[in-house]
Amino acid sequence: MAELKLGYKASAEQFAPRELVELGVLAEEHGMDSASVSD
C-alpha cells in the first residue's frame, strides 16, 4: 500500500530568509515529513 507523506513548501518571494527558517522549524515541530523553499 502507498505511504502518504506530508510536507510544507514556502515561497522565497513571500517570506524573508529568517521567516523561511522559522517556518521550516515549525513544520518539523508539527510532524511534517519535509520542508522546501522555491524561488
N, C-alpha and C. Protein backbone atom coordinates (compact mmCIF):
# COMPACT_ATOMS: atom_id res chain seq x y z
N MET A 1 0.84 -1.18 0.00
CA MET A 1 0.00 0.00 0.00
C MET A 1 0.89 1.25 0.00
N ALA A 2 0.46 2.30 -0.68
CA ALA A 2 1.23 3.54 -0.77
C ALA A 2 1.26 4.26 0.58
N GLU A 3 2.36 4.94 0.81
CA GLU A 3 2.54 5.68 2.05
C GLU A 3 2.31 7.17 1.77
N LEU A 4 1.53 7.82 2.60
CA LEU A 4 1.25 9.24 2.46
C LEU A 4 2.27 10.04 3.26
N LYS A 5 2.91 10.99 2.60
CA LYS A 5 3.86 11.88 3.27
C LYS A 5 3.39 13.31 3.07
N LEU A 6 3.47 14.10 4.12
CA LEU A 6 3.05 15.49 4.07
C LEU A 6 4.24 16.40 4.26
N GLY A 7 4.24 17.52 3.53
CA GLY A 7 5.33 18.47 3.64
C GLY A 7 4.82 19.89 3.56
N TYR A 8 5.73 20.82 3.77
CA TYR A 8 5.42 22.24 3.72
C TYR A 8 6.31 22.87 2.67
N LYS A 9 5.74 23.71 1.82
CA LYS A 9 6.51 24.40 0.79
C LYS A 9 6.27 25.89 0.92
N ALA A 10 7.34 26.66 1.02
CA ALA A 10 7.24 28.11 1.16
C ALA A 10 7.90 28.78 -0.04
N SER A 11 7.42 29.95 -0.36
CA SER A 11 7.96 30.71 -1.49
C SER A 11 8.89 31.81 -0.98
N ALA A 12 10.09 31.86 -1.54
CA ALA A 12 11.08 32.86 -1.12
C ALA A 12 10.62 34.28 -1.44
N GLU A 13 9.68 34.42 -2.38
CA GLU A 13 9.16 35.75 -2.70
C GLU A 13 8.21 36.27 -1.64
N GLN A 14 7.67 35.39 -0.82
CA GLN A 14 6.67 35.78 0.17
C GLN A 14 7.25 35.99 1.56
N PHE A 15 8.39 35.40 1.86
CA PHE A 15 8.93 35.43 3.21
C PHE A 15 10.40 35.82 3.21
N ALA A 16 10.82 36.49 4.27
CA ALA A 16 12.23 36.84 4.45
C ALA A 16 13.00 35.56 4.83
N PRO A 17 14.32 35.56 4.63
CA PRO A 17 15.11 34.35 4.94
C PRO A 17 14.89 33.82 6.35
N ARG A 18 14.89 34.68 7.33
CA ARG A 18 14.71 34.23 8.72
C ARG A 18 13.32 33.59 8.90
N GLU A 19 12.31 34.18 8.28
CA GLU A 19 10.96 33.62 8.36
C GLU A 19 10.90 32.24 7.72
N LEU A 20 11.60 32.06 6.61
CA LEU A 20 11.62 30.76 5.94
C LEU A 20 12.19 29.68 6.86
N VAL A 21 13.25 30.03 7.57
CA VAL A 21 13.85 29.07 8.52
C VAL A 21 12.87 28.77 9.65
N GLU A 22 12.24 29.81 10.19
CA GLU A 22 11.28 29.62 11.28
C GLU A 22 10.11 28.75 10.83
N LEU A 23 9.63 28.96 9.61
CA LEU A 23 8.53 28.15 9.09
C LEU A 23 8.95 26.69 8.91
N GLY A 24 10.19 26.49 8.47
CA GLY A 24 10.70 25.12 8.35
C GLY A 24 10.77 24.42 9.69
N VAL A 25 11.21 25.14 10.70
CA VAL A 25 11.29 24.58 12.05
C VAL A 25 9.88 24.24 12.56
N LEU A 26 8.93 25.13 12.34
CA LEU A 26 7.55 24.87 12.75
C LEU A 26 6.98 23.65 12.04
N ALA A 27 7.27 23.53 10.76
CA ALA A 27 6.79 22.37 10.00
C ALA A 27 7.34 21.08 10.62
N GLU A 28 8.61 21.09 10.97
CA GLU A 28 9.22 19.92 11.60
C GLU A 28 8.58 19.63 12.95
N GLU A 29 8.37 20.68 13.74
CA GLU A 29 7.77 20.51 15.07
C GLU A 29 6.35 19.96 14.98
N HIS A 30 5.66 20.23 13.89
CA HIS A 30 4.29 19.76 13.71
C HIS A 30 4.21 18.45 12.93
N GLY A 31 5.35 17.79 12.75
CA GLY A 31 5.35 16.45 12.20
C GLY A 31 5.39 16.33 10.69
N MET A 32 5.66 17.42 9.98
CA MET A 32 5.75 17.33 8.53
C MET A 32 6.95 16.47 8.14
N ASP A 33 6.83 15.74 7.04
CA ASP A 33 7.92 14.88 6.57
C ASP A 33 9.00 15.65 5.83
N SER A 34 8.64 16.82 5.30
CA SER A 34 9.62 17.61 4.55
C SER A 34 9.24 19.08 4.60
N ALA A 35 10.22 19.92 4.33
CA ALA A 35 10.00 21.36 4.17
C ALA A 35 10.90 21.80 3.03
N SER A 36 10.36 22.60 2.13
CA SER A 36 11.16 23.05 0.99
C SER A 36 10.82 24.50 0.66
N VAL A 37 11.73 25.12 -0.08
CA VAL A 37 11.59 26.52 -0.48
C VAL A 37 11.76 26.59 -1.99
N SER A 38 10.91 27.37 -2.63
CA SER A 38 11.09 27.62 -4.06
C SER A 38 11.31 29.11 -4.26
N ASP A 39 12.08 29.45 -5.28
CA ASP A 39 12.32 30.87 -5.54
C ASP A 39 11.67 31.33 -6.81
